[in-house]
Amino acid sequence: MSSPSYLMASLPMLEMGDVPPLTMEEFRHRCIGVLSEPELLALDAVLDDGECEECDDEFVRAYKAHEIQMKNVSGRLRAAAWGPDVRFTDKSFPGYDVTFAKMIQDAFAKSNPMEKEQDIDKARFWLVDCLAGVGEGTVKHVYAYAIKLKICERWARLTEEAGDSAVLNVINANDPAYASTAEQE
């Protein structure tokens, strides 16, 4: 038996930029026994970065369609920036959300990559709130919460130290002297 309203009532609110109050693993564990097996499969599908063509859940399909729309908008903008010789073909998806497309276009207009990523994730927050709707806690609200938690977890991992480490790894990977020293150890 599915009890998404009970689950939603037990979860703290999440806003963009919040420190995640629980991990994705803890959240997924809380869902077991509260959501039905098909709902758990849909939850896994909405969190998967793939396209989920077999999923028949309305929320999951709508969210995945918007992700395709976002990739189309960003692809068109990047292709245009690279010049007239670059050809970009949109991938088809059901529906078109003008507001979401505008939010993504505005995000890609930012010159600061961090601000661009923040605006894209703000658009995702807005989107899942729209897809879930208002009212009692439904399974759509659980899916929206999961996406928000995933976004908050990602931002919590983005620290200056993590960025420095990633840059150092790229530098070391491209340095033949470092590579030969690492092989000798």
N, C-alpha and C. Protein backbone atom coordinates (compact mmCIF):
# COMPACT_ATOMS: atom_id res chain seq x y z
N MET A 1 0.84 -1.18 0.00
CA MET A 1 0.00 0.00 0.00
C MET A 1 0.89 1.25 0.00
N SER A 2 0.55 2.18 -0.84
CA SER A 2 1.33 3.39 -1.00
C SER A 2 0.86 4.47 -0.02
N SER A 3 1.81 5.12 0.67
CA SER A 3 1.48 6.18 1.62
C SER A 3 2.39 7.39 1.42
N PRO A 4 2.36 8.00 0.23
CA PRO A 4 3.28 9.11 -0.02
C PRO A 4 3.03 10.32 0.88
N SER A 5 1.78 10.55 1.30
CA SER A 5 1.52 11.71 2.16
C SER A 5 2.20 11.53 3.51
N TYR A 6 2.22 10.30 4.03
CA TYR A 6 2.92 10.01 5.29
C TYR A 6 4.41 10.28 5.13
N LEU A 7 4.98 9.81 4.03
CA LEU A 7 6.41 10.00 3.77
C LEU A 7 6.74 11.48 3.66
N MET A 8 5.96 12.22 2.88
CA MET A 8 6.24 13.64 2.68
C MET A 8 6.13 14.42 3.99
N ALA A 9 5.19 14.03 4.85
CA ALA A 9 5.03 14.72 6.14
C ALA A 9 6.24 14.50 7.04
N SER A 10 6.97 13.40 6.82
CA SER A 10 8.12 13.09 7.68
C SER A 10 9.42 13.72 7.18
N LEU A 11 9.39 14.35 6.01
CA LEU A 11 10.62 14.89 5.42
C LEU A 11 10.73 16.39 5.65
N PRO A 12 11.95 16.89 5.91
CA PRO A 12 12.13 18.34 6.03
C PRO A 12 12.03 19.01 4.66
N MET A 13 11.66 20.27 4.66
CA MET A 13 11.58 21.04 3.42
C MET A 13 12.97 21.16 2.81
N LEU A 14 13.00 21.31 1.48
CA LEU A 14 14.26 21.48 0.76
C LEU A 14 14.17 22.69 -0.14
N GLU A 15 15.17 23.55 -0.08
CA GLU A 15 15.29 24.68 -0.98
C GLU A 15 16.63 24.58 -1.70
N MET A 16 16.70 25.22 -2.85
CA MET A 16 17.95 25.23 -3.62
C MET A 16 19.06 25.80 -2.74
N GLY A 17 20.17 25.09 -2.65
CA GLY A 17 21.30 25.54 -1.86
C GLY A 17 21.33 24.99 -0.45
N ASP A 18 20.27 24.30 -0.03
CA ASP A 18 20.25 23.72 1.31
C ASP A 18 21.27 22.59 1.42
N VAL A 19 21.80 22.42 2.62
CA VAL A 19 22.61 21.25 2.91
C VAL A 19 21.63 20.08 3.01
N PRO A 20 21.90 18.99 2.31
CA PRO A 20 20.95 17.88 2.33
C PRO A 20 20.73 17.35 3.75
N PRO A 21 19.47 17.26 4.19
CA PRO A 21 19.19 16.78 5.55
C PRO A 21 19.35 15.27 5.69
N LEU A 22 19.43 14.57 4.56
CA LEU A 22 19.66 13.13 4.54
C LEU A 22 20.28 12.77 3.20
N THR A 23 20.87 11.60 3.12
CA THR A 23 21.49 11.17 1.87
C THR A 23 20.43 10.54 0.97
N MET A 24 20.80 10.36 -0.29
CA MET A 24 19.89 9.68 -1.21
C MET A 24 19.62 8.26 -0.75
N GLU A 25 20.64 7.61 -0.20
CA GLU A 25 20.46 6.24 0.29
C GLU A 25 19.45 6.20 1.44
N GLU A 26 19.58 7.16 2.37
CA GLU A 26 18.63 7.23 3.49
C GLU A 26 17.22 7.52 2.98
N PHE A 27 17.13 8.41 2.02
CA PHE A 27 15.81 8.74 1.45
C PHE A 27 15.20 7.51 0.78
N ARG A 28 15.99 6.83 -0.04
CA ARG A 28 15.49 5.63 -0.74
C ARG A 28 15.05 4.58 0.27
N HIS A 29 15.80 4.44 1.37
CA HIS A 29 15.45 3.47 2.41
C HIS A 29 14.11 3.84 3.06
N ARG A 30 13.88 5.13 3.28
CA ARG A 30 12.60 5.57 3.86
C ARG A 30 11.43 5.26 2.94
N CYS A 31 11.69 5.22 1.65
CA CYS A 31 10.62 4.97 0.68
C CYS A 31 10.17 3.51 0.66
N ILE A 32 11.07 2.61 1.05
CA ILE A 32 10.74 1.18 1.04
C ILE A 32 9.66 0.92 2.08
N GLY A 33 8.63 0.23 1.67
CA GLY A 33 7.51 -0.07 2.56
C GLY A 33 6.44 1.01 2.57
N VAL A 34 6.81 2.20 2.07
CA VAL A 34 5.84 3.30 2.01
C VAL A 34 5.31 3.43 0.59
N LEU A 35 6.18 3.24 -0.39
CA LEU A 35 5.77 3.29 -1.79
C LEU A 35 5.60 1.87 -2.32
N SER A 36 4.75 1.74 -3.31
CA SER A 36 4.54 0.43 -3.94
C SER A 36 5.75 0.09 -4.81
N GLU A 37 5.85 -1.15 -5.22
CA GLU A 37 6.97 -1.58 -6.07
C GLU A 37 7.03 -0.78 -7.38
N PRO A 38 5.90 -0.58 -8.08
CA PRO A 38 5.97 0.25 -9.31
C PRO A 38 6.41 1.69 -9.02
N GLU A 39 6.01 2.23 -7.87
CA GLU A 39 6.42 3.59 -7.51
C GLU A 39 7.92 3.64 -7.20
N LEU A 40 8.44 2.60 -6.56
CA LEU A 40 9.88 2.55 -6.30
C LEU A 40 10.67 2.45 -7.61
N LEU A 41 10.15 1.68 -8.55
CA LEU A 41 10.80 1.59 -9.86
C LEU A 41 10.77 2.94 -10.58
N ALA A 42 9.66 3.65 -10.48
CA ALA A 42 9.55 4.98 -11.09
C ALA A 42 10.50 5.96 -10.40
N LEU A 43 10.64 5.85 -9.08
CA LEU A 43 11.57 6.69 -8.34
C LEU A 43 13.00 6.46 -8.84
N ASP A 44 13.37 5.21 -8.99
CA ASP A 44 14.70 4.89 -9.52
C ASP A 44 14.87 5.44 -10.94
N ALA A 45 13.81 5.35 -11.73
CA ALA A 45 13.87 5.83 -13.12
C ALA A 45 14.05 7.34 -13.18
N VAL A 46 13.36 8.08 -12.31
CA VAL A 46 13.46 9.54 -12.36
C VAL A 46 14.84 10.00 -11.90
N LEU A 47 15.49 9.22 -11.05
CA LEU A 47 16.82 9.59 -10.58
C LEU A 47 17.93 9.13 -11.52
N ASP A 48 17.62 8.19 -12.39
CA ASP A 48 18.58 7.69 -13.36
C ASP A 48 18.80 8.76 -14.44
N ASP A 49 20.03 8.92 -14.86
CA ASP A 49 20.33 9.94 -15.86
C ASP A 49 19.97 9.52 -17.28
N GLY A 50 19.53 8.28 -17.46
CA GLY A 50 19.13 7.80 -18.78
C GLY A 50 17.78 8.38 -19.19
N GLU A 51 17.27 7.91 -20.32
CA GLU A 51 16.05 8.48 -20.86
C GLU A 51 14.77 7.80 -20.42
N CYS A 52 14.82 6.54 -20.03
CA CYS A 52 13.65 5.87 -19.45
C CYS A 52 12.48 5.78 -20.42
N GLU A 53 12.70 5.20 -21.57
CA GLU A 53 11.63 5.10 -22.56
C GLU A 53 10.57 4.10 -22.16
N GLU A 54 10.90 3.12 -21.31
CA GLU A 54 9.93 2.11 -20.91
C GLU A 54 9.05 2.55 -19.75
N CYS A 55 9.43 3.57 -19.01
CA CYS A 55 8.68 3.98 -17.83
C CYS A 55 7.35 4.60 -18.25
N ASP A 56 6.27 4.17 -17.60
CA ASP A 56 4.96 4.70 -17.97
C ASP A 56 4.42 5.70 -16.94
N ASP A 57 5.23 6.07 -15.94
CA ASP A 57 4.79 7.04 -14.95
C ASP A 57 4.74 8.43 -15.57
N GLU A 58 3.63 9.12 -15.37
CA GLU A 58 3.40 10.44 -15.97
C GLU A 58 4.46 11.46 -15.55
N PHE A 59 4.77 11.52 -14.25
CA PHE A 59 5.75 12.47 -13.75
C PHE A 59 7.13 12.19 -14.35
N VAL A 60 7.53 10.92 -14.33
CA VAL A 60 8.86 10.55 -14.83
C VAL A 60 8.98 10.89 -16.31
N ARG A 61 7.97 10.57 -17.08
CA ARG A 61 8.01 10.86 -18.53
C ARG A 61 8.08 12.37 -18.78
N ALA A 62 7.31 13.14 -18.02
CA ALA A 62 7.32 14.60 -18.19
C ALA A 62 8.68 15.17 -17.80
N TYR A 63 9.24 14.70 -16.70
CA TYR A 63 10.55 15.19 -16.27
C TYR A 63 11.63 14.86 -17.30
N LYS A 64 11.62 13.64 -17.78
CA LYS A 64 12.61 13.22 -18.78
C LYS A 64 12.44 14.01 -20.09
N ALA A 65 11.20 14.33 -20.45
CA ALA A 65 10.95 15.15 -21.65
C ALA A 65 11.55 16.54 -21.47
N HIS A 66 11.42 17.10 -20.28
CA HIS A 66 12.00 18.42 -20.01
C HIS A 66 13.53 18.37 -20.01
N GLU A 67 14.10 17.27 -19.56
CA GLU A 67 15.55 17.12 -19.63
C GLU A 67 16.01 17.11 -21.09
N ILE A 68 15.25 16.44 -21.95
CA ILE A 68 15.57 16.45 -23.38
C ILE A 68 15.43 17.87 -23.93
N GLN A 69 14.37 18.57 -23.52
CA GLN A 69 14.18 19.95 -23.97
C GLN A 69 15.37 20.80 -23.54
N MET A 70 15.84 20.62 -22.31
CA MET A 70 16.99 21.39 -21.83
C MET A 70 18.23 21.10 -22.68
N LYS A 71 18.45 19.84 -23.00
CA LYS A 71 19.61 19.48 -23.84
C LYS A 71 19.47 20.06 -25.24
N ASN A 72 18.25 20.10 -25.77
CA ASN A 72 18.03 20.70 -27.09
C ASN A 72 18.34 22.19 -27.07
N VAL A 73 17.84 22.89 -26.06
CA VAL A 73 18.07 24.33 -25.95
C VAL A 73 19.57 24.60 -25.83
N SER A 74 20.23 23.88 -24.92
CA SER A 74 21.66 24.12 -24.73
C SER A 74 22.47 23.72 -25.96
N GLY A 75 22.09 22.65 -26.62
CA GLY A 75 22.78 22.22 -27.84
C GLY A 75 22.65 23.24 -28.95
N ARG A 76 21.44 23.78 -29.13
CA ARG A 76 21.23 24.81 -30.16
C ARG A 76 22.08 26.05 -29.87
N LEU A 77 22.10 26.48 -28.60
CA LEU A 77 22.87 27.66 -28.23
C LEU A 77 24.37 27.44 -28.44
N ARG A 78 24.85 26.27 -28.06
CA ARG A 78 26.27 25.97 -28.25
C ARG A 78 26.62 25.87 -29.73
N ALA A 79 25.77 25.22 -30.51
CA ALA A 79 26.01 25.10 -31.95
C ALA A 79 26.06 26.47 -32.61
N ALA A 80 25.15 27.35 -32.22
CA ALA A 80 25.12 28.71 -32.79
C ALA A 80 26.40 29.47 -32.42
N ALA A 81 26.90 29.26 -31.21
CA ALA A 81 28.12 29.94 -30.78
C ALA A 81 29.35 29.44 -31.52
N TRP A 82 29.32 28.20 -31.97
CA TRP A 82 30.47 27.63 -32.67
C TRP A 82 30.50 28.02 -34.14
N GLY A 83 29.42 28.55 -34.65
CA GLY A 83 29.43 29.04 -36.02
C GLY A 83 28.43 28.33 -36.92
N PRO A 84 28.29 28.87 -38.15
CA PRO A 84 27.26 28.37 -39.07
C PRO A 84 27.55 26.97 -39.63
N ASP A 85 28.80 26.52 -39.53
CA ASP A 85 29.13 25.20 -40.06
C ASP A 85 28.71 24.06 -39.13
N VAL A 86 28.36 24.39 -37.90
CA VAL A 86 27.95 23.37 -36.94
C VAL A 86 26.45 23.15 -37.06
N ARG A 87 26.10 21.92 -37.26
CA ARG A 87 24.68 21.58 -37.42
C ARG A 87 24.21 20.85 -36.16
N PHE A 88 23.05 21.24 -35.66
CA PHE A 88 22.48 20.61 -34.48
C PHE A 88 21.06 20.17 -34.80
N THR A 89 20.73 18.95 -34.43
CA THR A 89 19.39 18.43 -34.65
C THR A 89 18.74 18.17 -33.30
N ASP A 90 17.57 18.77 -33.10
CA ASP A 90 16.83 18.56 -31.85
C ASP A 90 16.36 17.12 -31.76
N LYS A 91 16.38 16.60 -30.55
CA LYS A 91 15.79 15.28 -30.30
C LYS A 91 14.32 15.52 -29.97
N SER A 92 13.45 14.70 -30.52
CA SER A 92 12.03 14.92 -30.29
C SER A 92 11.64 14.50 -28.87
N PHE A 93 10.64 15.15 -28.35
CA PHE A 93 10.11 14.86 -27.02
C PHE A 93 8.68 15.36 -26.97
N PRO A 94 7.86 14.79 -26.09
CA PRO A 94 6.47 15.24 -26.00
C PRO A 94 6.35 16.56 -25.25
N GLY A 95 5.61 17.50 -25.82
CA GLY A 95 5.35 18.77 -25.15
C GLY A 95 6.48 19.77 -25.31
N TYR A 96 6.17 21.02 -25.05
CA TYR A 96 7.16 22.09 -25.07
C TYR A 96 6.77 23.07 -23.99
N ASP A 97 7.69 23.39 -23.11
CA ASP A 97 7.43 24.30 -22.01
C ASP A 97 8.19 25.59 -22.27
N VAL A 98 7.47 26.62 -22.66
CA VAL A 98 8.09 27.90 -23.02
C VAL A 98 8.84 28.50 -21.84
N THR A 99 8.24 28.47 -20.66
CA THR A 99 8.87 29.06 -19.48
C THR A 99 10.18 28.34 -19.15
N PHE A 100 10.14 27.02 -19.18
CA PHE A 100 11.34 26.23 -18.88
C PHE A 100 12.43 26.52 -19.92
N ALA A 101 12.05 26.57 -21.18
CA ALA A 101 13.02 26.86 -22.25
C ALA A 101 13.67 28.22 -22.03
N LYS A 102 12.87 29.21 -21.64
CA LYS A 102 13.39 30.56 -21.38
C LYS A 102 14.35 30.55 -20.19
N MET A 103 14.00 29.80 -19.14
CA MET A 103 14.89 29.70 -17.97
C MET A 103 16.24 29.09 -18.36
N ILE A 104 16.21 28.08 -19.21
CA ILE A 104 17.45 27.43 -19.64
C ILE A 104 18.25 28.37 -20.55
N GLN A 105 17.57 29.07 -21.47
CA GLN A 105 18.27 30.04 -22.33
C GLN A 105 18.93 31.12 -21.48
N ASP A 106 18.21 31.62 -20.49
CA ASP A 106 18.77 32.65 -19.62
C ASP A 106 19.98 32.12 -18.84
N ALA A 107 19.89 30.87 -18.41
CA ALA A 107 21.02 30.27 -17.69
C ALA A 107 22.25 30.19 -18.58
N PHE A 108 22.06 29.79 -19.82
CA PHE A 108 23.20 29.65 -20.73
C PHE A 108 23.74 31.00 -21.19
N ALA A 109 23.03 32.07 -20.94
CA ALA A 109 23.52 33.41 -21.26
C ALA A 109 24.52 33.90 -20.22
N LYS A 110 24.57 33.24 -19.08
CA LYS A 110 25.51 33.63 -18.02
C LYS A 110 26.93 33.28 -18.43
N SER A 111 27.86 34.17 -18.16
CA SER A 111 29.26 33.90 -18.52
C SER A 111 29.97 33.10 -17.43
N ASN A 112 29.49 33.19 -16.21
CA ASN A 112 30.09 32.46 -15.10
C ASN A 112 29.53 31.03 -15.07
N PRO A 113 30.37 30.01 -15.24
CA PRO A 113 29.88 28.63 -15.27
C PRO A 113 29.13 28.21 -14.01
N MET A 114 29.56 28.70 -12.84
CA MET A 114 28.89 28.36 -11.58
C MET A 114 27.48 28.93 -11.56
N GLU A 115 27.33 30.18 -11.98
CA GLU A 115 26.00 30.81 -12.03
C GLU A 115 25.12 30.09 -13.04
N LYS A 116 25.70 29.67 -14.15
CA LYS A 116 24.96 28.94 -15.18
C LYS A 116 24.39 27.65 -14.59
N GLU A 117 25.24 26.88 -13.90
CA GLU A 117 24.80 25.62 -13.28
C GLU A 117 23.74 25.86 -12.22
N GLN A 118 23.92 26.91 -11.42
CA GLN A 118 22.93 27.23 -10.39
C GLN A 118 21.58 27.55 -11.02
N ASP A 119 21.58 28.33 -12.09
CA ASP A 119 20.33 28.69 -12.75
C ASP A 119 19.66 27.48 -13.40
N ILE A 120 20.45 26.57 -13.94
CA ILE A 120 19.88 25.35 -14.51
C ILE A 120 19.20 24.53 -13.41
N ASP A 121 19.87 24.40 -12.27
CA ASP A 121 19.28 23.64 -11.18
C ASP A 121 18.09 24.36 -10.55
N LYS A 122 18.11 25.69 -10.55
CA LYS A 122 16.92 26.44 -10.09
C LYS A 122 15.75 26.16 -11.03
N ALA A 123 16.03 26.06 -12.32
CA ALA A 123 14.97 25.73 -13.28
C ALA A 123 14.44 24.33 -13.01
N ARG A 124 15.31 23.40 -12.66
CA ARG A 124 14.86 22.04 -12.32
C ARG A 124 13.99 22.06 -11.07
N PHE A 125 14.38 22.83 -10.06
CA PHE A 125 13.56 22.95 -8.85
C PHE A 125 12.18 23.47 -9.21
N TRP A 126 12.14 24.52 -10.02
CA TRP A 126 10.86 25.10 -10.45
C TRP A 126 10.04 24.05 -11.19
N LEU A 127 10.69 23.34 -12.09
CA LEU A 127 10.01 22.34 -12.91
C LEU A 127 9.36 21.25 -12.06
N VAL A 128 10.12 20.67 -11.13
CA VAL A 128 9.54 19.56 -10.35
C VAL A 128 8.41 20.04 -9.45
N ASP A 129 8.49 21.29 -8.98
CA ASP A 129 7.37 21.84 -8.22
C ASP A 129 6.13 21.95 -9.11
N CYS A 130 6.32 22.38 -10.34
CA CYS A 130 5.18 22.48 -11.28
C CYS A 130 4.62 21.10 -11.62
N LEU A 131 5.50 20.13 -11.86
CA LEU A 131 5.05 18.78 -12.22
C LEU A 131 4.33 18.11 -11.05
N ALA A 132 4.77 18.36 -9.83
CA ALA A 132 4.14 17.74 -8.66
C ALA A 132 2.80 18.39 -8.35
N GLY A 133 2.69 19.69 -8.60
CA GLY A 133 1.45 20.39 -8.30
C GLY A 133 1.34 20.72 -6.82
N VAL A 134 0.22 21.34 -6.47
CA VAL A 134 -0.01 21.71 -5.07
C VAL A 134 -0.98 20.73 -4.44
N GLY A 135 -1.03 20.75 -3.14
CA GLY A 135 -1.99 19.89 -2.44
C GLY A 135 -1.31 18.87 -1.55
N GLU A 136 -2.06 17.84 -1.23
CA GLU A 136 -1.57 16.77 -0.37
C GLU A 136 -0.31 16.14 -0.95
N GLY A 137 0.47 15.52 -0.10
CA GLY A 137 1.68 14.85 -0.56
C GLY A 137 1.34 13.61 -1.37
N THR A 138 1.62 13.67 -2.65
CA THR A 138 1.37 12.54 -3.54
C THR A 138 2.69 11.90 -3.92
N VAL A 139 2.64 10.83 -4.67
CA VAL A 139 3.87 10.20 -5.12
C VAL A 139 4.65 11.15 -6.03
N LYS A 140 3.96 12.05 -6.72
CA LYS A 140 4.66 13.05 -7.54
C LYS A 140 5.52 13.95 -6.65
N HIS A 141 5.03 14.27 -5.46
CA HIS A 141 5.81 15.09 -4.53
C HIS A 141 7.05 14.33 -4.04
N VAL A 142 6.92 13.02 -3.89
CA VAL A 142 8.06 12.19 -3.49
C VAL A 142 9.12 12.24 -4.59
N TYR A 143 8.70 12.10 -5.84
CA TYR A 143 9.64 12.15 -6.96
C TYR A 143 10.31 13.53 -7.03
N ALA A 144 9.53 14.58 -6.85
CA ALA A 144 10.08 15.94 -6.88
C ALA A 144 11.10 16.12 -5.76
N TYR A 145 10.78 15.62 -4.58
CA TYR A 145 11.69 15.72 -3.45
C TYR A 145 13.00 14.99 -3.75
N ALA A 146 12.89 13.82 -4.36
CA ALA A 146 14.08 13.04 -4.69
C ALA A 146 15.00 13.81 -5.64
N ILE A 147 14.42 14.45 -6.63
CA ILE A 147 15.22 15.23 -7.59
C ILE A 147 15.87 16.41 -6.88
N LYS A 148 15.12 17.09 -6.02
CA LYS A 148 15.68 18.22 -5.27
C LYS A 148 16.81 17.76 -4.36
N LEU A 149 16.62 16.62 -3.70
CA LEU A 149 17.66 16.09 -2.82
C LEU A 149 18.92 15.74 -3.62
N LYS A 150 18.74 15.16 -4.78
CA LYS A 150 19.88 14.83 -5.65
C LYS A 150 20.64 16.10 -6.03
N ILE A 151 19.91 17.16 -6.36
CA ILE A 151 20.55 18.43 -6.72
C ILE A 151 21.29 19.00 -5.51
N CYS A 152 20.66 19.00 -4.35
CA CYS A 152 21.30 19.54 -3.14
C CYS A 152 22.55 18.74 -2.77
N GLU A 153 22.49 17.42 -2.94
CA GLU A 153 23.67 16.59 -2.68
C GLU A 153 24.82 16.95 -3.61
N ARG A 154 24.49 17.18 -4.87
CA ARG A 154 25.53 17.54 -5.85
C ARG A 154 26.19 18.85 -5.46
N TRP A 155 25.40 19.85 -5.09
CA TRP A 155 25.96 21.14 -4.72
C TRP A 155 26.74 21.06 -3.41
N ALA A 156 26.34 20.19 -2.51
CA ALA A 156 27.07 20.03 -1.25
C ALA A 156 28.47 19.45 -1.49
N ARG A 157 28.61 18.66 -2.55
CA ARG A 157 29.92 18.07 -2.88
C ARG A 157 30.85 19.07 -3.58
N LEU A 158 30.29 20.16 -4.10
CA LEU A 158 31.09 21.13 -4.85
C LEU A 158 31.75 22.11 -3.88
N THR A 159 32.93 21.74 -3.41
CA THR A 159 33.68 22.61 -2.52
C THR A 159 34.93 23.09 -3.25
N GLU A 160 35.57 24.08 -2.68
CA GLU A 160 36.81 24.58 -3.28
C GLU A 160 37.87 23.49 -3.28
N GLU A 161 37.92 22.71 -2.19
CA GLU A 161 38.90 21.63 -2.10
C GLU A 161 38.64 20.58 -3.18
N ALA A 162 37.38 20.22 -3.38
CA ALA A 162 37.04 19.23 -4.40
C ALA A 162 37.40 19.75 -5.79
N GLY A 163 37.16 21.04 -6.03
CA GLY A 163 37.51 21.65 -7.31
C GLY A 163 39.02 21.65 -7.54
N ASP A 164 39.76 22.03 -6.49
CA ASP A 164 41.23 22.02 -6.60
C ASP A 164 41.75 20.62 -6.88
N SER A 165 41.17 19.64 -6.20
CA SER A 165 41.59 18.24 -6.40
C SER A 165 41.30 17.78 -7.82
N ALA A 166 40.15 18.15 -8.35
CA ALA A 166 39.79 17.75 -9.72
C ALA A 166 40.74 18.39 -10.73
N VAL A 167 41.06 19.66 -10.53
CA VAL A 167 42.00 20.34 -11.44
C VAL A 167 43.38 19.70 -11.35
N LEU A 168 43.82 19.40 -10.14
CA LEU A 168 45.12 18.76 -9.95
C LEU A 168 45.16 17.40 -10.63
N ASN A 169 44.08 16.64 -10.55
CA ASN A 169 44.02 15.34 -11.22
C ASN A 169 44.14 15.48 -12.73
N VAL A 170 43.49 16.49 -13.31
CA VAL A 170 43.59 16.72 -14.75
C VAL A 170 45.01 17.12 -15.13
N ILE A 171 45.59 18.02 -14.34
CA ILE A 171 46.97 18.47 -14.62
C ILE A 171 47.93 17.28 -14.54
N ASN A 172 47.80 16.49 -13.48
CA ASN A 172 48.69 15.34 -13.31
C ASN A 172 48.49 14.29 -14.40
N ALA A 173 47.26 14.09 -14.82
CA ALA A 173 46.98 13.11 -15.87
C ALA A 173 47.61 13.52 -17.20
N ASN A 174 47.80 14.82 -17.40
CA ASN A 174 48.37 15.32 -18.65
C ASN A 174 49.87 15.60 -18.55
N ASP A 175 50.46 15.30 -17.41
CA ASP A 175 51.89 15.56 -17.20
C ASP A 175 52.65 14.24 -17.33
N PRO A 176 53.44 14.08 -18.42
CA PRO A 176 54.17 12.82 -18.62
C PRO A 176 55.13 12.50 -17.47
N ALA A 177 55.75 13.52 -16.89
CA ALA A 177 56.69 13.30 -15.78
C ALA A 177 55.95 12.72 -14.57
N TYR A 178 54.77 13.25 -14.29
CA TYR A 178 53.99 12.75 -13.15
C TYR A 178 53.51 11.32 -13.42
N ALA A 179 53.09 11.06 -14.66
CA ALA A 179 52.60 9.73 -15.02
C ALA A 179 53.70 8.69 -14.86
N SER A 180 54.94 9.02 -15.27
CA SER A 180 56.03 8.05 -15.13
C SER A 180 56.42 7.85 -13.67
N THR A 181 56.34 8.90 -12.85
CA THR A 181 56.62 8.79 -11.42
C THR A 181 55.56 7.91 -10.75
N ALA A 182 54.31 8.10 -11.11
CA ALA A 182 53.21 7.32 -10.53
C ALA A 182 53.33 5.85 -10.90
N GLU A 183 53.83 5.56 -12.11
CA GLU A 183 53.99 4.17 -12.55
C GLU A 183 55.09 3.47 -11.76
N GLN A 184 56.14 4.21 -11.39
CA GLN A 184 57.26 3.63 -10.66
C GLN A 184 56.88 3.27 -9.23
N GLU A 185 55.91 3.96 -8.67
CA GLU A 185 55.49 3.70 -7.29
C GLU A 185 54.69 2.49 -7.26
